[in-house]
């Protein structure tokens, strides 16, 4: 039976790649929390209206260039 190609990868390389991905994911989660707090402030004061947006979701989608799904998630989190 043939072994998976991952078996032949250097263990140190595999551990380092996985460690880096966990560190990056942690940074993304932290930055998402910061963004959500900023969006809460923006939504509370409806600051996006000054830029011509009618809702927070449209500001996230068109103003911040997130996908529709991401915009909906941020709106729900706020």
PDB file of N, CA and C in Angstrom:
ATOM      1  N   UNK A   1       0.845  -1.187   0.000  1.00  0.00           N
ATOM      2  CA  UNK A   1       0.000   0.000   0.000  1.00  0.00           C
ATOM      3  C   UNK A   1       0.888   1.247   0.000  1.00  0.00           C
ATOM      4  N   UNK A   2       0.591   2.165  -0.882  1.00  0.00           N
ATOM      5  CA  UNK A   2       1.400   3.378  -1.000  1.00  0.00           C
ATOM      6  C   UNK A   2       1.064   4.345   0.133  1.00  0.00           C
ATOM      7  N   UNK A   3       2.064   5.049   0.587  1.00  0.00           N
ATOM      8  CA  UNK A   3       1.876   6.038   1.641  1.00  0.00           C
ATOM      9  C   UNK A   3       1.482   7.377   1.036  1.00  0.00           C
ATOM     10  N   UNK A   4       0.762   8.138   1.826  1.00  0.00           N
ATOM     11  CA  UNK A   4       0.357   9.474   1.401  1.00  0.00           C
ATOM     12  C   UNK A   4       1.605  10.334   1.231  1.00  0.00           C
ATOM     13  N   UNK A   5       1.569  11.239   0.282  1.00  0.00           N
ATOM     14  CA  UNK A   5       2.746  12.082   0.006  1.00  0.00           C
ATOM     15  C   UNK A   5       3.120  12.948   1.197  1.00  0.00           C
ATOM     16  N   UNK A   6       2.153  13.245   2.086  1.00  0.00           N
ATOM     17  CA  UNK A   6       2.452  14.032   3.273  1.00  0.00           C
ATOM     18  C   UNK A   6       3.427  13.292   4.188  1.00  0.00           C
ATOM     19  N   UNK A   7       3.422  11.982   4.132  1.00  0.00           N
ATOM     20  CA  UNK A   7       4.330  11.167   4.932  1.00  0.00           C
ATOM     21  C   UNK A   7       5.784  11.518   4.641  1.00  0.00           C
ATOM     22  N   UNK A   8       6.056  11.951   3.434  1.00  0.00           N
ATOM     23  CA  UNK A   8       7.433  12.222   3.030  1.00  0.00           C
ATOM     24  C   UNK A   8       7.865  13.661   3.294  1.00  0.00           C
ATOM     25  N   UNK A   9       6.955  14.496   3.731  1.00  0.00           N
ATOM     26  CA  UNK A   9       7.306  15.882   4.066  1.00  0.00           C
ATOM     27  C   UNK A   9       8.128  15.909   5.349  1.00  0.00           C
ATOM     28  N   UNK A  10       9.004  16.872   5.426  1.00  0.00           N
ATOM     29  CA  UNK A  10       9.822  17.066   6.610  1.00  0.00           C
ATOM     30  C   UNK A  10       8.911  17.444   7.793  1.00  0.00           C
ATOM     31  N   UNK A  11       8.967  16.734   8.925  1.00  0.00           N
ATOM     32  CA  UNK A  11       8.083  17.032  10.067  1.00  0.00           C
ATOM     33  C   UNK A  11       8.204  18.476  10.557  1.00  0.00           C
ATOM     34  N   UNK A  12       9.407  19.009  10.549  1.00  0.00           N
ATOM     35  CA  UNK A  12       9.597  20.391  10.993  1.00  0.00           C
ATOM     36  C   UNK A  12       8.850  21.356  10.073  1.00  0.00           C
ATOM     37  N   UNK A  13       8.912  21.101   8.782  1.00  0.00           N
ATOM     38  CA  UNK A  13       8.219  21.935   7.800  1.00  0.00           C
ATOM     39  C   UNK A  13       6.707  21.893   8.031  1.00  0.00           C
ATOM     40  N   UNK A  14       6.170  20.709   8.253  1.00  0.00           N
ATOM     41  CA  UNK A  14       4.734  20.544   8.475  1.00  0.00           C
ATOM     42  C   UNK A  14       4.313  21.293   9.736  1.00  0.00           C
ATOM     43  N   UNK A  15       5.045  21.104  10.836  1.00  0.00           N
ATOM     44  CA  UNK A  15       4.716  21.787  12.093  1.00  0.00           C
ATOM     45  C   UNK A  15       4.787  23.292  11.932  1.00  0.00           C
ATOM     46  N   UNK A  16       5.790  23.782  11.215  1.00  0.00           N
ATOM     47  CA  UNK A  16       5.960  25.221  11.026  1.00  0.00           C
ATOM     48  C   UNK A  16       4.824  25.807  10.187  1.00  0.00           C
ATOM     49  N   UNK A  17       4.417  25.120   9.135  1.00  0.00           N
ATOM     50  CA  UNK A  17       3.298  25.585   8.310  1.00  0.00           C
ATOM     51  C   UNK A  17       2.013  25.641   9.133  1.00  0.00           C
ATOM     52  N   UNK A  18       1.758  24.621   9.924  1.00  0.00           N
ATOM     53  CA  UNK A  18       0.555  24.590  10.749  1.00  0.00           C
ATOM     54  C   UNK A  18       0.602  25.674  11.829  1.00  0.00           C
ATOM     55  N   UNK A  19       1.763  25.898  12.405  1.00  0.00           N
ATOM     56  CA  UNK A  19       1.908  26.935  13.425  1.00  0.00           C
ATOM     57  C   UNK A  19       1.635  28.310  12.829  1.00  0.00           C
ATOM     58  N   UNK A  20       2.191  28.564  11.648  1.00  0.00           N
ATOM     59  CA  UNK A  20       1.983  29.852  10.985  1.00  0.00           C
ATOM     60  C   UNK A  20       0.513  30.082  10.656  1.00  0.00           C
ATOM     61  N   UNK A  21      -0.166  29.036  10.209  1.00  0.00           N
ATOM     62  CA  UNK A  21      -1.582  29.200   9.870  1.00  0.00           C
ATOM     63  C   UNK A  21      -2.407  29.483  11.123  1.00  0.00           C
ATOM     64  N   UNK A  22      -2.087  28.860  12.255  1.00  0.00           N
ATOM     65  CA  UNK A  22      -2.803  29.147  13.500  1.00  0.00           C
ATOM     66  C   UNK A  22      -2.544  30.576  13.951  1.00  0.00           C
ATOM     67  N   UNK A  23      -1.309  31.042  13.823  1.00  0.00           N
ATOM     68  CA  UNK A  23      -0.975  32.416  14.218  1.00  0.00           C
ATOM     69  C   UNK A  23      -1.703  33.430  13.329  1.00  0.00           C
ATOM     70  N   UNK A  24      -1.759  33.156  12.036  1.00  0.00           N
ATOM     71  CA  UNK A  24      -2.462  34.049  11.111  1.00  0.00           C
ATOM     72  C   UNK A  24      -3.951  34.073  11.420  1.00  0.00           C
ATOM     73  N   UNK A  25      -4.542  32.914  11.678  1.00  0.00           N
ATOM     74  CA  UNK A  25      -5.971  32.842  12.012  1.00  0.00           C
ATOM     75  C   UNK A  25      -6.252  33.620  13.295  1.00  0.00           C
ATOM     76  N   UNK A  26      -5.363  33.530  14.259  1.00  0.00           N
ATOM     77  CA  UNK A  26      -5.541  34.270  15.511  1.00  0.00           C
ATOM     78  C   UNK A  26      -5.541  35.778  15.243  1.00  0.00           C
ATOM     79  N   UNK A  27      -4.623  36.241  14.404  1.00  0.00           N
ATOM     80  CA  UNK A  27      -4.569  37.663  14.052  1.00  0.00           C
ATOM     81  C   UNK A  27      -5.844  38.099  13.347  1.00  0.00           C
ATOM     82  N   UNK A  28      -6.346  37.269  12.443  1.00  0.00           N
ATOM     83  CA  UNK A  28      -7.568  37.603  11.713  1.00  0.00           C
ATOM     84  C   UNK A  28      -8.739  37.732  12.677  1.00  0.00           C
ATOM     85  N   UNK A  29      -8.857  36.790  13.618  1.00  0.00           N
ATOM     86  CA  UNK A  29      -9.948  36.842  14.591  1.00  0.00           C
ATOM     87  C   UNK A  29      -9.862  38.090  15.462  1.00  0.00           C
ATOM     88  N   UNK A  30      -8.661  38.444  15.869  1.00  0.00           N
ATOM     89  CA  UNK A  30      -8.477  39.649  16.680  1.00  0.00           C
ATOM     90  C   UNK A  30      -8.864  40.896  15.893  1.00  0.00           C
ATOM     91  N   UNK A  31      -8.443  40.963  14.634  1.00  0.00           N
ATOM     92  CA  UNK A  31      -8.775  42.120  13.800  1.00  0.00           C
ATOM     93  C   UNK A  31     -10.266  42.179  13.487  1.00  0.00           C
ATOM     94  N   UNK A  32     -10.909  41.028  13.351  1.00  0.00           N
ATOM     95  CA  UNK A  32     -12.357  41.021  13.135  1.00  0.00           C
ATOM     96  C   UNK A  32     -13.079  41.615  14.338  1.00  0.00           C
ATOM     97  N   UNK A  33     -12.612  41.305  15.531  1.00  0.00           N
ATOM     98  CA  UNK A  33     -13.224  41.862  16.740  1.00  0.00           C
ATOM     99  C   UNK A  33     -13.066  43.374  16.778  1.00  0.00           C
ATOM    100  N   UNK A  34     -11.892  43.863  16.382  1.00  0.00           N
ATOM    101  CA  UNK A  34     -11.661  45.310  16.324  1.00  0.00           C
ATOM    102  C   UNK A  34     -12.608  45.937  15.303  1.00  0.00           C
ATOM    103  N   UNK A  35     -12.716  45.316  14.133  1.00  0.00           N
ATOM    104  CA  UNK A  35     -13.593  45.838  13.083  1.00  0.00           C
ATOM    105  C   UNK A  35     -15.048  45.850  13.543  1.00  0.00           C
ATOM    106  N   UNK A  36     -15.483  44.812  14.223  1.00  0.00           N
ATOM    107  CA  UNK A  36     -16.865  44.760  14.700  1.00  0.00           C
ATOM    108  C   UNK A  36     -17.131  45.885  15.687  1.00  0.00           C
ATOM    109  N   UNK A  37     -16.194  46.153  16.576  1.00  0.00           N
ATOM    110  CA  UNK A  37     -16.370  47.273  17.514  1.00  0.00           C
ATOM    111  C   UNK A  37     -16.443  48.611  16.767  1.00  0.00           C
ATOM    112  N   UNK A  38     -15.620  48.770  15.728  1.00  0.00           N
ATOM    113  CA  UNK A  38     -15.666  49.996  14.934  1.00  0.00           C
ATOM    114  C   UNK A  38     -16.995  50.107  14.189  1.00  0.00           C
ATOM    115  N   UNK A  39     -17.468  48.990  13.646  1.00  0.00           N
ATOM    116  CA  UNK A  39     -18.739  49.003  12.924  1.00  0.00           C
ATOM    117  C   UNK A  39     -19.917  49.257  13.857  1.00  0.00           C
ATOM    118  N   UNK A  40     -19.807  48.804  15.107  1.00  0.00           N
ATOM    119  CA  UNK A  40     -20.855  49.110  16.090  1.00  0.00           C
ATOM    120  C   UNK A  40     -20.972  50.610  16.289  1.00  0.00           C
ATOM    121  N   UNK A  41     -19.837  51.277  16.409  1.00  0.00           N
ATOM    122  CA  UNK A  41     -19.821  52.735  16.575  1.00  0.00           C
ATOM    123  C   UNK A  41     -20.386  53.425  15.335  1.00  0.00           C
ATOM    124  N   UNK A  42     -19.949  52.962  14.174  1.00  0.00           N
ATOM    125  CA  UNK A  42     -20.419  53.537  12.911  1.00  0.00           C
ATOM    126  C   UNK A  42     -21.926  53.350  12.768  1.00  0.00           C
ATOM    127  N   UNK A  43     -22.421  52.159  13.126  1.00  0.00           N
ATOM    128  CA  UNK A  43     -23.840  51.886  12.992  1.00  0.00           C
ATOM    129  C   UNK A  43     -24.655  52.666  14.026  1.00  0.00           C
ATOM    130  N   UNK A  44     -24.146  52.769  15.230  1.00  0.00           N
ATOM    131  CA  UNK A  44     -24.864  53.493  16.279  1.00  0.00           C
ATOM    132  C   UNK A  44     -25.089  54.940  15.877  1.00  0.00           C
ATOM    133  N   UNK A  45     -24.084  55.558  15.264  1.00  0.00           N
ATOM    134  CA  UNK A  45     -24.172  56.963  14.858  1.00  0.00           C
ATOM    135  C   UNK A  45     -24.602  57.117  13.401  1.00  0.00           C
ATOM    136  N   UNK A  46     -24.788  55.980  12.699  1.00  0.00           N
ATOM    137  CA  UNK A  46     -25.168  55.966  11.279  1.00  0.00           C
ATOM    138  C   UNK A  46     -24.240  56.849  10.426  1.00  0.00           C
ATOM    139  N   UNK A  47     -22.959  56.723  10.664  1.00  0.00           N
ATOM    140  CA  UNK A  47     -21.976  57.543   9.951  1.00  0.00           C
ATOM    141  C   UNK A  47     -21.912  57.224   8.459  1.00  0.00           C
ATOM    142  N   UNK A  48     -22.298  56.035   8.078  1.00  0.00           N
ATOM    143  CA  UNK A  48     -22.244  55.634   6.668  1.00  0.00           C
ATOM    144  C   UNK A  48     -23.190  56.451   5.799  1.00  0.00           C
ATOM    145  N   UNK A  49     -24.193  57.091   6.402  1.00  0.00           N
ATOM    146  CA  UNK A  49     -25.142  57.909   5.647  1.00  0.00           C
ATOM    147  C   UNK A  49     -24.420  59.089   4.988  1.00  0.00           C
ATOM    148  N   UNK A  50     -23.397  59.603   5.654  1.00  0.00           N
ATOM    149  CA  UNK A  50     -22.637  60.737   5.089  1.00  0.00           C
ATOM    150  C   UNK A  50     -21.952  60.375   3.782  1.00  0.00           C
ATOM    151  N   UNK A  51     -21.703  59.073   3.590  1.00  0.00           N
ATOM    152  CA  UNK A  51     -21.068  58.621   2.346  1.00  0.00           C
ATOM    153  C   UNK A  51     -22.094  58.150   1.319  1.00  0.00           C
ATOM    154  N   UNK A  52     -23.382  58.268   1.649  1.00  0.00           N
ATOM    155  CA  UNK A  52     -24.425  57.907   0.705  1.00  0.00           C
ATOM    156  C   UNK A  52     -24.946  56.486   0.828  1.00  0.00           C
ATOM    157  N   UNK A  53     -24.554  55.779   1.876  1.00  0.00           N
ATOM    158  CA  UNK A  53     -25.040  54.420   2.074  1.00  0.00           C
ATOM    159  C   UNK A  53     -26.268  54.445   2.966  1.00  0.00           C
ATOM    160  N   UNK A  54     -27.254  53.587   2.641  1.00  0.00           N
ATOM    161  CA  UNK A  54     -28.497  53.573   3.400  1.00  0.00           C
ATOM    162  C   UNK A  54     -28.454  52.612   4.582  1.00  0.00           C
ATOM    163  N   UNK A  55     -27.530  51.663   4.538  1.00  0.00           N
ATOM    164  CA  UNK A  55     -27.471  50.659   5.595  1.00  0.00           C
ATOM    165  C   UNK A  55     -26.031  50.225   5.832  1.00  0.00           C
ATOM    166  N   UNK A  56     -25.806  49.640   6.984  1.00  0.00           N
ATOM    167  CA  UNK A  56     -24.467  49.155   7.337  1.00  0.00           C
ATOM    168  C   UNK A  56     -24.013  48.069   6.367  1.00  0.00           C
ATOM    169  N   UNK A  57     -24.940  47.201   5.971  1.00  0.00           N
ATOM    170  CA  UNK A  57     -24.573  46.117   5.068  1.00  0.00           C
ATOM    171  C   UNK A  57     -24.063  46.656   3.739  1.00  0.00           C
ATOM    172  N   UNK A  58     -24.724  47.664   3.185  1.00  0.00           N
ATOM    173  CA  UNK A  58     -24.264  48.219   1.911  1.00  0.00           C
ATOM    174  C   UNK A  58     -22.928  48.940   2.083  1.00  0.00           C
ATOM    175  N   UNK A  59     -22.713  49.538   3.244  1.00  0.00           N
ATOM    176  CA  UNK A  59     -21.413  50.161   3.504  1.00  0.00           C
ATOM    177  C   UNK A  59     -20.312  49.097   3.536  1.00  0.00           C
ATOM    178  N   UNK A  60     -20.583  47.980   4.200  1.00  0.00           N
ATOM    179  CA  UNK A  60     -19.591  46.899   4.253  1.00  0.00           C
ATOM    180  C   UNK A  60     -19.328  46.323   2.862  1.00  0.00           C
ATOM    181  N   UNK A  61     -20.406  46.161   2.088  1.00  0.00           N
ATOM    182  CA  UNK A  61     -20.280  45.541   0.767  1.00  0.00           C
ATOM    183  C   UNK A  61     -19.618  46.476  -0.241  1.00  0.00           C
ATOM    184  N   UNK A  62     -20.152  47.671  -0.372  1.00  0.00           N
ATOM    185  CA  UNK A  62     -19.657  48.592  -1.391  1.00  0.00           C
ATOM    186  C   UNK A  62     -18.534  49.495  -0.890  1.00  0.00           C
ATOM    187  N   UNK A  63     -18.617  49.906   0.367  1.00  0.00           N
ATOM    188  CA  UNK A  63     -17.616  50.823   0.900  1.00  0.00           C
ATOM    189  C   UNK A  63     -16.334  50.147   1.361  1.00  0.00           C
ATOM    190  N   UNK A  64     -16.485  48.953   1.951  1.00  0.00           N
ATOM    191  CA  UNK A  64     -15.317  48.242   2.479  1.00  0.00           C
ATOM    192  C   UNK A  64     -14.897  47.055   1.616  1.00  0.00           C
ATOM    193  N   UNK A  65     -15.654  46.812   0.538  1.00  0.00           N
ATOM    194  CA  UNK A  65     -15.337  45.759  -0.445  1.00  0.00           C
ATOM    195  C   UNK A  65     -15.327  44.346   0.135  1.00  0.00           C
ATOM    196  N   UNK A  66     -16.229  44.066   1.077  1.00  0.00           N
ATOM    197  CA  UNK A  66     -16.412  42.706   1.540  1.00  0.00           C
ATOM    198  C   UNK A  66     -17.433  42.023   0.634  1.00  0.00           C
ATOM    199  N   UNK A  67     -17.460  40.703   0.676  1.00  0.00           N
ATOM    200  CA  UNK A  67     -18.471  39.977  -0.094  1.00  0.00           C
ATOM    201  C   UNK A  67     -19.840  40.186   0.557  1.00  0.00           C
ATOM    202  N   UNK A  68     -20.875  39.802  -0.166  1.00  0.00           N
ATOM    203  CA  UNK A  68     -22.229  39.933   0.396  1.00  0.00           C
ATOM    204  C   UNK A  68     -22.369  39.106   1.670  1.00  0.00           C
ATOM    205  N   UNK A  69     -21.842  37.914   1.650  1.00  0.00           N
ATOM    206  CA  UNK A  69     -21.927  37.034   2.816  1.00  0.00           C
ATOM    207  C   UNK A  69     -21.158  37.624   4.002  1.00  0.00           C
ATOM    208  N   UNK A  70     -19.960  38.142   3.753  1.00  0.00           N
ATOM    209  CA  UNK A  70     -19.187  38.770   4.830  1.00  0.00           C
ATOM    210  C   UNK A  70     -19.919  39.991   5.373  1.00  0.00           C
ATOM    211  N   UNK A  71     -20.488  40.793   4.478  1.00  0.00           N
ATOM    212  CA  UNK A  71     -21.228  41.978   4.903  1.00  0.00           C
ATOM    213  C   UNK A  71     -22.408  41.596   5.774  1.00  0.00           C
ATOM    214  N   UNK A  72     -23.105  40.556   5.395  1.00  0.00           N
ATOM    215  CA  UNK A  72     -24.246  40.093   6.190  1.00  0.00           C
ATOM    216  C   UNK A  72     -23.766  39.593   7.552  1.00  0.00           C
ATOM    217  N   UNK A  73     -22.633  38.903   7.588  1.00  0.00           N
ATOM    218  CA  UNK A  73     -22.103  38.409   8.853  1.00  0.00           C
ATOM    219  C   UNK A  73     -21.710  39.556   9.782  1.00  0.00           C
ATOM    220  N   UNK A  74     -21.070  40.576   9.223  1.00  0.00           N
ATOM    221  CA  UNK A  74     -20.692  41.722  10.042  1.00  0.00           C
ATOM    222  C   UNK A  74     -21.930  42.451  10.556  1.00  0.00           C
ATOM    223  N   UNK A  75     -22.924  42.594   9.700  1.00  0.00           N
ATOM    224  CA  UNK A  75     -24.156  43.259  10.124  1.00  0.00           C
ATOM    225  C   UNK A  75     -24.823  42.471  11.264  1.00  0.00           C
ATOM    226  N   UNK A  76     -24.817  41.155  11.137  1.00  0.00           N
ATOM    227  CA  UNK A  76     -25.407  40.318  12.189  1.00  0.00           C
ATOM    228  C   UNK A  76     -24.613  40.418  13.486  1.00  0.00           C
ATOM    229  N   UNK A  77     -23.297  40.481  13.375  1.00  0.00           N
ATOM    230  CA  UNK A  77     -22.456  40.579  14.565  1.00  0.00           C
ATOM    231  C   UNK A  77     -22.655  41.903  15.277  1.00  0.00           C
ATOM    232  N   UNK A  78     -22.918  42.950  14.499  1.00  0.00           N
ATOM    233  CA  UNK A  78     -23.128  44.284  15.084  1.00  0.00           C
ATOM    234  C   UNK A  78     -24.499  44.314  15.702  1.00  0.00           C
TER     235      UNK A  78
END
